[in-house]
Amino acid sequence: MTPHRIEYSRTSRLKRRFRAATAVAAVASLGGCATMEPMTPFDMAMAAGGAALGAYTGSFFAGGITNTMMMASGAIVGGYGVYKLGRLISQGDKMAHADATKRALTAGRDGELHEWRNAETGYGGFVRTVGSYRAPSGELCRRFRAGAAVEKDVITGEGLACEIGQGQWRVLHDDLG
């Protein structure tokens, strides 16, 4: 009797990684409940999302037990980083970022840099559109990159928004928003 070798497709491997990343993220996000600071449901969602992204990223490194350790490390770093970012950025910072994002989206030219600064916190950042295209529905959509200087860290992310008419934009994704 010959042993049967099971071949996994790329999709199957990605599904396994995603399931494992989700499990690690769930466990890692529970660790946030042990902090001294009270966590709001938004804080928990942000930490869980960061943990999932970190675990998923970690799943691409090494194999076997090392892969599991990389996923756990990614979950911890991602969950804590996103949680901390949410705690550091004030409502005023978020409004300044949103205003710069709107200016960048409506400017009409990819590559233009739009800066923001909050005088109350001293934090600042930028938004730069990096690509525009028409969605199948005909909407103008724009990809953008953003960054923020918060305390001693520089945080960067990406986003996507589509114009819904008359200078109004629907932000579909914003790592910093």
N, C-alpha and C. Protein backbone atom coordinates (compact mmCIF):
# COMPACT_ATOMS: atom_id res chain seq x y z
N MET A 1 0.84 -1.17 0.00
CA MET A 1 0.00 0.00 0.00
C MET A 1 0.89 1.24 0.00
N THR A 2 0.67 2.12 -0.94
CA THR A 2 1.50 3.32 -1.04
C THR A 2 0.83 4.46 -0.27
N PRO A 3 1.63 5.24 0.42
CA PRO A 3 1.03 6.36 1.14
C PRO A 3 0.54 7.42 0.15
N HIS A 4 -0.55 8.05 0.50
CA HIS A 4 -1.11 9.11 -0.34
C HIS A 4 -0.57 10.45 0.12
N ARG A 5 -0.14 11.21 -0.82
CA ARG A 5 0.36 12.54 -0.51
C ARG A 5 -0.76 13.55 -0.78
N ILE A 6 -1.01 14.37 0.20
CA ILE A 6 -2.06 15.36 0.05
C ILE A 6 -1.42 16.67 -0.40
N GLU A 7 -1.88 17.20 -1.50
CA GLU A 7 -1.38 18.47 -2.01
C GLU A 7 -2.41 19.54 -1.64
N TYR A 8 -1.93 20.62 -1.07
CA TYR A 8 -2.81 21.73 -0.74
C TYR A 8 -2.65 22.83 -1.78
N SER A 9 -3.76 23.36 -2.19
CA SER A 9 -3.72 24.46 -3.16
C SER A 9 -3.32 25.74 -2.43
N ARG A 10 -2.93 26.75 -3.19
CA ARG A 10 -2.56 28.04 -2.61
C ARG A 10 -3.74 28.62 -1.84
N THR A 11 -4.95 28.48 -2.39
CA THR A 11 -6.14 28.99 -1.73
C THR A 11 -6.35 28.30 -0.39
N SER A 12 -6.16 26.99 -0.37
CA SER A 12 -6.33 26.23 0.86
C SER A 12 -5.33 26.69 1.92
N ARG A 13 -4.08 26.93 1.51
CA ARG A 13 -3.06 27.41 2.45
C ARG A 13 -3.44 28.78 2.99
N LEU A 14 -3.93 29.66 2.11
CA LEU A 14 -4.32 31.00 2.56
C LEU A 14 -5.49 30.93 3.54
N LYS A 15 -6.45 30.02 3.27
CA LYS A 15 -7.57 29.87 4.18
C LYS A 15 -7.10 29.38 5.55
N ARG A 16 -6.16 28.43 5.56
CA ARG A 16 -5.62 27.94 6.83
C ARG A 16 -4.89 29.06 7.56
N ARG A 17 -4.10 29.83 6.83
CA ARG A 17 -3.39 30.95 7.46
C ARG A 17 -4.37 31.97 8.03
N PHE A 18 -5.43 32.26 7.26
CA PHE A 18 -6.40 33.24 7.73
C PHE A 18 -7.09 32.74 9.00
N ARG A 19 -7.49 31.47 9.01
CA ARG A 19 -8.14 30.91 10.20
C ARG A 19 -7.19 30.95 11.41
N ALA A 20 -5.94 30.57 11.17
CA ALA A 20 -4.97 30.59 12.26
C ALA A 20 -4.72 32.01 12.74
N ALA A 21 -4.61 32.96 11.80
CA ALA A 21 -4.39 34.36 12.17
C ALA A 21 -5.57 34.89 12.97
N THR A 22 -6.77 34.51 12.59
CA THR A 22 -7.96 34.95 13.31
C THR A 22 -7.95 34.40 14.73
N ALA A 23 -7.59 33.13 14.89
CA ALA A 23 -7.55 32.52 16.22
C ALA A 23 -6.50 33.19 17.09
N VAL A 24 -5.32 33.42 16.53
CA VAL A 24 -4.25 34.08 17.29
C VAL A 24 -4.68 35.49 17.65
N ALA A 25 -5.32 36.20 16.72
CA ALA A 25 -5.77 37.57 16.99
C ALA A 25 -6.80 37.60 18.10
N ALA A 26 -7.70 36.64 18.10
CA ALA A 26 -8.72 36.60 19.15
C ALA A 26 -8.09 36.41 20.52
N VAL A 27 -7.13 35.50 20.61
CA VAL A 27 -6.45 35.26 21.87
C VAL A 27 -5.64 36.50 22.28
N ALA A 28 -4.93 37.08 21.31
CA ALA A 28 -4.11 38.26 21.62
C ALA A 28 -4.96 39.45 22.03
N SER A 29 -6.11 39.62 21.41
CA SER A 29 -6.95 40.77 21.75
C SER A 29 -7.53 40.64 23.16
N LEU A 30 -7.69 39.41 23.63
CA LEU A 30 -8.18 39.23 25.00
C LEU A 30 -7.15 39.71 26.00
N GLY A 31 -5.87 39.66 25.63
CA GLY A 31 -4.82 40.15 26.51
C GLY A 31 -4.99 41.63 26.82
N GLY A 32 -5.58 42.38 25.91
CA GLY A 32 -5.82 43.80 26.14
C GLY A 32 -6.80 44.05 27.27
N CYS A 33 -7.62 43.07 27.57
CA CYS A 33 -8.60 43.23 28.64
C CYS A 33 -7.92 43.28 30.01
N ALA A 34 -6.67 42.85 30.09
CA ALA A 34 -5.97 42.83 31.36
C ALA A 34 -5.25 44.15 31.66
N THR A 35 -5.33 45.13 30.77
CA THR A 35 -4.66 46.40 31.02
C THR A 35 -5.37 47.16 32.12
N MET A 36 -4.67 48.11 32.70
CA MET A 36 -5.25 48.92 33.76
C MET A 36 -6.25 49.94 33.20
N GLU A 37 -6.05 50.39 31.96
CA GLU A 37 -6.94 51.36 31.36
C GLU A 37 -8.21 50.68 30.88
N PRO A 38 -9.38 51.28 31.11
CA PRO A 38 -10.61 50.67 30.59
C PRO A 38 -10.62 50.75 29.07
N MET A 39 -11.05 49.69 28.43
CA MET A 39 -11.11 49.64 26.98
C MET A 39 -12.55 49.77 26.52
N THR A 40 -12.76 50.66 25.57
CA THR A 40 -14.09 50.81 24.97
C THR A 40 -14.27 49.72 23.92
N PRO A 41 -15.49 49.47 23.47
CA PRO A 41 -15.68 48.51 22.39
C PRO A 41 -14.88 48.89 21.14
N PHE A 42 -14.74 50.20 20.88
CA PHE A 42 -13.94 50.65 19.74
C PHE A 42 -12.48 50.27 19.93
N ASP A 43 -11.93 50.47 21.15
CA ASP A 43 -10.55 50.08 21.44
C ASP A 43 -10.35 48.59 21.20
N MET A 44 -11.31 47.79 21.66
CA MET A 44 -11.20 46.34 21.49
C MET A 44 -11.23 45.95 20.02
N ALA A 45 -12.12 46.59 19.27
CA ALA A 45 -12.20 46.30 17.83
C ALA A 45 -10.92 46.69 17.12
N MET A 46 -10.36 47.84 17.47
CA MET A 46 -9.11 48.29 16.87
C MET A 46 -7.98 47.31 17.21
N ALA A 47 -7.89 46.91 18.48
CA ALA A 47 -6.84 45.99 18.89
C ALA A 47 -6.99 44.64 18.19
N ALA A 48 -8.21 44.15 18.09
CA ALA A 48 -8.44 42.86 17.43
C ALA A 48 -8.10 42.95 15.94
N GLY A 49 -8.47 44.05 15.30
CA GLY A 49 -8.13 44.23 13.89
C GLY A 49 -6.64 44.30 13.67
N GLY A 50 -5.94 45.04 14.51
CA GLY A 50 -4.48 45.12 14.41
C GLY A 50 -3.83 43.78 14.68
N ALA A 51 -4.37 43.05 15.66
CA ALA A 51 -3.83 41.72 15.97
C ALA A 51 -4.03 40.76 14.80
N ALA A 52 -5.20 40.82 14.17
CA ALA A 52 -5.47 39.94 13.02
C ALA A 52 -4.52 40.25 11.88
N LEU A 53 -4.34 41.55 11.59
CA LEU A 53 -3.44 41.94 10.51
C LEU A 53 -2.01 41.53 10.84
N GLY A 54 -1.59 41.73 12.08
CA GLY A 54 -0.24 41.34 12.49
C GLY A 54 -0.03 39.84 12.40
N ALA A 55 -1.01 39.07 12.85
CA ALA A 55 -0.91 37.61 12.79
C ALA A 55 -0.88 37.12 11.35
N TYR A 56 -1.71 37.71 10.52
CA TYR A 56 -1.73 37.32 9.11
C TYR A 56 -0.38 37.61 8.46
N THR A 57 0.18 38.79 8.75
CA THR A 57 1.49 39.13 8.20
C THR A 57 2.54 38.15 8.70
N GLY A 58 2.50 37.84 9.99
CA GLY A 58 3.46 36.89 10.56
C GLY A 58 3.34 35.50 9.99
N SER A 59 2.17 35.15 9.45
CA SER A 59 1.97 33.80 8.91
C SER A 59 2.79 33.53 7.66
N PHE A 60 3.33 34.57 7.05
CA PHE A 60 4.12 34.39 5.83
C PHE A 60 5.58 34.09 6.11
N PHE A 61 5.98 34.09 7.38
CA PHE A 61 7.38 33.86 7.73
C PHE A 61 7.57 32.47 8.32
N ALA A 62 8.59 31.79 7.85
CA ALA A 62 9.03 30.49 8.37
C ALA A 62 7.96 29.42 8.24
N GLY A 63 8.12 28.35 8.98
CA GLY A 63 7.17 27.25 8.95
C GLY A 63 7.16 26.55 10.30
N GLY A 64 6.22 25.66 10.49
CA GLY A 64 6.12 24.90 11.73
C GLY A 64 5.91 25.77 12.94
N ILE A 65 6.60 25.43 14.03
CA ILE A 65 6.44 26.16 15.29
C ILE A 65 6.94 27.60 15.16
N THR A 66 7.96 27.82 14.33
CA THR A 66 8.47 29.18 14.12
C THR A 66 7.39 30.05 13.48
N ASN A 67 6.61 29.46 12.57
CA ASN A 67 5.52 30.19 11.94
C ASN A 67 4.50 30.61 12.98
N THR A 68 4.17 29.72 13.89
CA THR A 68 3.21 30.02 14.95
C THR A 68 3.74 31.14 15.84
N MET A 69 5.04 31.10 16.15
CA MET A 69 5.64 32.14 16.97
C MET A 69 5.62 33.49 16.24
N MET A 70 5.87 33.47 14.94
CA MET A 70 5.84 34.71 14.16
C MET A 70 4.41 35.28 14.12
N MET A 71 3.43 34.39 14.00
CA MET A 71 2.04 34.85 14.00
C MET A 71 1.67 35.46 15.35
N ALA A 72 2.09 34.82 16.42
CA ALA A 72 1.79 35.34 17.76
C ALA A 72 2.47 36.69 17.97
N SER A 73 3.74 36.80 17.54
CA SER A 73 4.46 38.07 17.66
C SER A 73 3.77 39.15 16.85
N GLY A 74 3.38 38.81 15.62
CA GLY A 74 2.68 39.77 14.78
C GLY A 74 1.38 40.22 15.40
N ALA A 75 0.65 39.28 16.00
CA ALA A 75 -0.62 39.62 16.64
C ALA A 75 -0.41 40.57 17.81
N ILE A 76 0.59 40.31 18.61
CA ILE A 76 0.86 41.16 19.78
C ILE A 76 1.28 42.56 19.34
N VAL A 77 2.23 42.63 18.41
CA VAL A 77 2.71 43.93 17.94
C VAL A 77 1.59 44.69 17.22
N GLY A 78 0.86 44.02 16.34
CA GLY A 78 -0.22 44.67 15.61
C GLY A 78 -1.34 45.13 16.52
N GLY A 79 -1.76 44.29 17.44
CA GLY A 79 -2.84 44.64 18.36
C GLY A 79 -2.45 45.80 19.26
N TYR A 80 -1.26 45.74 19.84
CA TYR A 80 -0.82 46.80 20.74
C TYR A 80 -0.60 48.10 19.97
N GLY A 81 0.02 48.02 18.79
CA GLY A 81 0.30 49.22 18.00
C GLY A 81 -0.96 49.96 17.60
N VAL A 82 -1.94 49.25 17.10
CA VAL A 82 -3.19 49.89 16.68
C VAL A 82 -3.96 50.41 17.89
N TYR A 83 -3.96 49.66 18.98
CA TYR A 83 -4.63 50.11 20.21
C TYR A 83 -3.99 51.41 20.70
N LYS A 84 -2.66 51.43 20.74
CA LYS A 84 -1.95 52.61 21.23
C LYS A 84 -2.18 53.81 20.31
N LEU A 85 -2.18 53.58 19.01
CA LEU A 85 -2.45 54.66 18.06
C LEU A 85 -3.83 55.27 18.32
N GLY A 86 -4.82 54.43 18.54
CA GLY A 86 -6.16 54.91 18.82
C GLY A 86 -6.22 55.73 20.10
N ARG A 87 -5.40 55.40 21.09
CA ARG A 87 -5.37 56.12 22.35
C ARG A 87 -4.61 57.45 22.23
N LEU A 88 -3.61 57.51 21.36
CA LEU A 88 -2.77 58.69 21.25
C LEU A 88 -3.39 59.80 20.43
N ILE A 89 -4.09 59.44 19.37
CA ILE A 89 -4.62 60.45 18.47
C ILE A 89 -5.95 60.98 19.01
N SER A 90 -6.02 62.30 19.19
CA SER A 90 -7.22 62.93 19.73
C SER A 90 -8.26 63.12 18.64
N GLN A 91 -9.45 63.53 19.05
CA GLN A 91 -10.51 63.81 18.08
C GLN A 91 -10.09 64.95 17.16
N GLY A 92 -9.39 65.95 17.71
CA GLY A 92 -8.89 67.06 16.89
C GLY A 92 -7.90 66.60 15.84
N ASP A 93 -7.04 65.65 16.21
CA ASP A 93 -6.09 65.08 15.25
C ASP A 93 -6.83 64.36 14.13
N LYS A 94 -7.85 63.60 14.52
CA LYS A 94 -8.63 62.85 13.52
C LYS A 94 -9.35 63.80 12.57
N MET A 95 -9.86 64.91 13.12
CA MET A 95 -10.55 65.89 12.26
C MET A 95 -9.56 66.57 11.31
N ALA A 96 -8.36 66.89 11.80
CA ALA A 96 -7.34 67.52 10.95
C ALA A 96 -6.92 66.55 9.84
N HIS A 97 -6.77 65.26 10.20
CA HIS A 97 -6.42 64.24 9.20
C HIS A 97 -7.54 64.12 8.17
N ALA A 98 -8.79 64.11 8.62
CA ALA A 98 -9.93 63.99 7.71
C ALA A 98 -10.00 65.19 6.77
N ASP A 99 -9.71 66.38 7.27
CA ASP A 99 -9.71 67.58 6.44
C ASP A 99 -8.61 67.50 5.37
N ALA A 100 -7.42 67.08 5.77
CA ALA A 100 -6.32 66.93 4.80
C ALA A 100 -6.64 65.85 3.78
N THR A 101 -7.31 64.79 4.21
CA THR A 101 -7.70 63.72 3.28
C THR A 101 -8.69 64.26 2.25
N LYS A 102 -9.66 65.04 2.70
CA LYS A 102 -10.64 65.61 1.77
C LYS A 102 -9.95 66.55 0.78
N ARG A 103 -9.01 67.38 1.26
CA ARG A 103 -8.28 68.28 0.36
C ARG A 103 -7.48 67.49 -0.67
N ALA A 104 -6.83 66.41 -0.23
CA ALA A 104 -6.03 65.58 -1.15
C ALA A 104 -6.91 64.92 -2.20
N LEU A 105 -8.08 64.44 -1.78
CA LEU A 105 -8.97 63.74 -2.71
C LEU A 105 -9.57 64.69 -3.74
N THR A 106 -9.89 65.92 -3.33
CA THR A 106 -10.53 66.85 -4.25
C THR A 106 -9.53 67.66 -5.07
N ALA A 107 -8.24 67.60 -4.75
CA ALA A 107 -7.21 68.40 -5.44
C ALA A 107 -7.13 68.07 -6.92
N GLY A 108 -7.36 66.83 -7.27
CA GLY A 108 -7.37 66.45 -8.68
C GLY A 108 -6.07 65.94 -9.24
N ARG A 109 -4.94 66.08 -8.53
CA ARG A 109 -3.68 65.59 -9.07
C ARG A 109 -3.04 64.58 -8.13
N ASP A 110 -2.68 63.43 -8.67
CA ASP A 110 -1.99 62.42 -7.87
C ASP A 110 -0.59 62.91 -7.54
N GLY A 111 -0.15 62.58 -6.35
CA GLY A 111 1.20 62.93 -5.93
C GLY A 111 1.31 64.19 -5.11
N GLU A 112 0.26 65.02 -5.07
CA GLU A 112 0.32 66.24 -4.27
C GLU A 112 0.27 65.90 -2.79
N LEU A 113 1.09 66.60 -2.02
CA LEU A 113 1.17 66.38 -0.58
C LEU A 113 0.29 67.40 0.14
N HIS A 114 -0.56 66.92 1.04
CA HIS A 114 -1.43 67.79 1.84
C HIS A 114 -1.13 67.52 3.31
N GLU A 115 -0.64 68.54 4.00
CA GLU A 115 -0.21 68.37 5.38
C GLU A 115 -1.29 68.84 6.35
N TRP A 116 -1.23 68.32 7.57
CA TRP A 116 -2.10 68.77 8.64
C TRP A 116 -1.30 68.88 9.92
N ARG A 117 -1.77 69.74 10.81
CA ARG A 117 -1.12 69.91 12.12
C ARG A 117 -2.19 70.34 13.12
N ASN A 118 -2.16 69.74 14.28
CA ASN A 118 -3.07 70.10 15.37
C ASN A 118 -2.26 70.89 16.40
N ALA A 119 -2.55 72.19 16.53
CA ALA A 119 -1.81 73.05 17.44
C ALA A 119 -1.99 72.62 18.90
N GLU A 120 -3.13 72.01 19.24
CA GLU A 120 -3.39 71.60 20.62
C GLU A 120 -2.47 70.46 21.07
N THR A 121 -2.27 69.46 20.20
CA THR A 121 -1.47 68.30 20.57
C THR A 121 -0.04 68.38 20.04
N GLY A 122 0.17 69.20 19.02
CA GLY A 122 1.49 69.27 18.39
C GLY A 122 1.72 68.18 17.37
N TYR A 123 0.75 67.30 17.19
CA TYR A 123 0.89 66.22 16.22
C TYR A 123 0.56 66.74 14.83
N GLY A 124 1.12 66.11 13.83
CA GLY A 124 0.86 66.48 12.46
C GLY A 124 1.02 65.29 11.55
N GLY A 125 0.72 65.51 10.28
CA GLY A 125 0.84 64.42 9.33
C GLY A 125 0.64 64.90 7.91
N PHE A 126 0.44 63.95 7.03
CA PHE A 126 0.28 64.25 5.61
C PHE A 126 -0.66 63.24 4.96
N VAL A 127 -1.19 63.63 3.83
CA VAL A 127 -1.98 62.74 2.97
C VAL A 127 -1.54 63.02 1.55
N ARG A 128 -1.27 61.96 0.77
CA ARG A 128 -0.86 62.10 -0.62
C ARG A 128 -1.63 61.07 -1.46
N THR A 129 -2.34 61.54 -2.49
CA THR A 129 -3.01 60.60 -3.39
C THR A 129 -1.95 59.95 -4.28
N VAL A 130 -2.12 58.65 -4.51
CA VAL A 130 -1.11 57.90 -5.28
C VAL A 130 -1.68 57.23 -6.52
N GLY A 131 -2.97 57.26 -6.70
CA GLY A 131 -3.55 56.64 -7.88
C GLY A 131 -5.04 56.89 -7.97
N SER A 132 -5.50 57.14 -9.20
CA SER A 132 -6.93 57.38 -9.43
C SER A 132 -7.43 56.44 -10.51
N TYR A 133 -8.70 56.05 -10.41
CA TYR A 133 -9.31 55.20 -11.43
C TYR A 133 -10.82 55.35 -11.37
N ARG A 134 -11.47 54.90 -12.42
CA ARG A 134 -12.94 54.89 -12.46
C ARG A 134 -13.43 53.50 -12.07
N ALA A 135 -14.33 53.46 -11.11
CA ALA A 135 -14.95 52.20 -10.71
C ALA A 135 -15.93 51.78 -11.80
N PRO A 136 -16.32 50.50 -11.84
CA PRO A 136 -17.30 50.05 -12.84
C PRO A 136 -18.60 50.86 -12.81
N SER A 137 -18.93 51.41 -11.66
CA SER A 137 -20.14 52.22 -11.53
C SER A 137 -19.95 53.63 -12.08
N GLY A 138 -18.71 53.98 -12.46
CA GLY A 138 -18.42 55.30 -13.01
C GLY A 138 -17.87 56.28 -11.99
N GLU A 139 -17.86 55.89 -10.70
CA GLU A 139 -17.33 56.77 -9.66
C GLU A 139 -15.82 56.93 -9.81
N LEU A 140 -15.33 58.14 -9.52
CA LEU A 140 -13.90 58.39 -9.45
C LEU A 140 -13.42 57.89 -8.10
N CYS A 141 -12.43 57.00 -8.10
CA CYS A 141 -11.88 56.47 -6.85
C CYS A 141 -10.40 56.84 -6.80
N ARG A 142 -9.91 57.08 -5.58
CA ARG A 142 -8.52 57.46 -5.41
C ARG A 142 -7.91 56.69 -4.25
N ARG A 143 -6.69 56.18 -4.50
CA ARG A 143 -5.90 55.55 -3.44
C ARG A 143 -5.01 56.64 -2.85
N PHE A 144 -4.76 56.57 -1.54
CA PHE A 144 -3.89 57.56 -0.91
C PHE A 144 -3.03 56.93 0.17
N ARG A 145 -1.93 57.60 0.46
CA ARG A 145 -1.05 57.21 1.56
C ARG A 145 -1.08 58.34 2.56
N ALA A 146 -0.95 57.98 3.83
CA ALA A 146 -1.00 58.98 4.89
C ALA A 146 0.03 58.64 5.95
N GLY A 147 0.43 59.65 6.69
CA GLY A 147 1.38 59.45 7.78
C GLY A 147 1.07 60.44 8.88
N ALA A 148 1.49 60.10 10.09
CA ALA A 148 1.28 60.98 11.23
C ALA A 148 2.47 60.86 12.17
N ALA A 149 2.94 61.99 12.68
CA ALA A 149 3.99 62.02 13.69
C ALA A 149 3.29 62.14 15.03
N VAL A 150 3.36 61.07 15.82
CA VAL A 150 2.67 60.99 17.10
C VAL A 150 3.70 60.63 18.16
N GLU A 151 3.85 61.51 19.14
CA GLU A 151 4.88 61.36 20.18
C GLU A 151 6.23 61.15 19.50
N LYS A 152 6.88 60.03 19.70
CA LYS A 152 8.19 59.79 19.09
C LYS A 152 8.11 58.86 17.90
N ASP A 153 6.93 58.54 17.44
CA ASP A 153 6.74 57.59 16.36
C ASP A 153 6.19 58.27 15.11
N VAL A 154 6.48 57.67 13.97
CA VAL A 154 5.87 58.06 12.71
C VAL A 154 5.04 56.86 12.26
N ILE A 155 3.76 57.09 12.05
CA ILE A 155 2.84 56.02 11.68
C ILE A 155 2.38 56.27 10.25
N THR A 156 2.41 55.23 9.43
CA THR A 156 1.97 55.39 8.05
C THR A 156 0.87 54.39 7.73
N GLY A 157 0.11 54.69 6.71
CA GLY A 157 -0.96 53.80 6.30
C GLY A 157 -1.44 54.16 4.91
N GLU A 158 -2.44 53.44 4.45
CA GLU A 158 -3.00 53.65 3.13
C GLU A 158 -4.51 53.77 3.23
N GLY A 159 -5.12 54.23 2.15
CA GLY A 159 -6.57 54.36 2.13
C GLY A 159 -7.12 54.37 0.73
N LEU A 160 -8.44 54.32 0.64
CA LEU A 160 -9.16 54.32 -0.63
C LEU A 160 -10.48 55.04 -0.41
N ALA A 161 -10.80 55.93 -1.36
CA ALA A 161 -12.08 56.66 -1.29
C ALA A 161 -12.65 56.82 -2.69
N CYS A 162 -13.97 56.91 -2.78
CA CYS A 162 -14.64 57.12 -4.06
C CYS A 162 -15.56 58.34 -3.94
N GLU A 163 -15.58 59.14 -4.99
CA GLU A 163 -16.40 60.35 -5.02
C GLU A 163 -17.87 59.97 -5.20
N ILE A 164 -18.72 60.57 -4.36
CA ILE A 164 -20.15 60.28 -4.47
C ILE A 164 -20.91 61.47 -5.03
N GLY A 165 -20.19 62.51 -5.44
CA GLY A 165 -20.81 63.66 -6.09
C GLY A 165 -20.65 64.95 -5.31
N GLN A 166 -20.58 66.03 -6.04
CA GLN A 166 -20.51 67.38 -5.49
C GLN A 166 -19.43 67.55 -4.43
N GLY A 167 -18.25 67.02 -4.71
CA GLY A 167 -17.13 67.17 -3.79
C GLY A 167 -17.20 66.32 -2.55
N GLN A 168 -18.15 65.41 -2.47
CA GLN A 168 -18.28 64.52 -1.32
C GLN A 168 -17.61 63.18 -1.65
N TRP A 169 -16.92 62.63 -0.66
CA TRP A 169 -16.18 61.37 -0.84
C TRP A 169 -16.63 60.36 0.20
N ARG A 170 -16.70 59.11 -0.23
CA ARG A 170 -16.97 57.99 0.68
C ARG A 170 -15.65 57.27 0.90
N VAL A 171 -15.13 57.33 2.11
CA VAL A 171 -13.86 56.68 2.43
C VAL A 171 -14.16 55.21 2.68
N LEU A 172 -13.59 54.35 1.83
CA LEU A 172 -13.82 52.91 1.95
C LEU A 172 -12.83 52.27 2.91
N HIS A 173 -11.65 52.88 3.00
CA HIS A 173 -10.61 52.33 3.87
C HIS A 173 -9.62 53.44 4.19
N ASP A 174 -9.23 53.54 5.46
CA ASP A 174 -8.22 54.52 5.88
C ASP A 174 -7.53 53.96 7.12
N ASP A 175 -6.28 53.54 6.97
CA ASP A 175 -5.55 52.97 8.09
C ASP A 175 -5.43 53.94 9.26
N LEU A 176 -5.35 55.22 8.98
CA LEU A 176 -5.17 56.20 10.05
C LEU A 176 -6.46 56.88 10.49
N GLY A 177 -7.53 56.72 9.70
CA GLY A 177 -8.78 57.41 10.02
C GLY A 177 -9.56 56.64 10.97
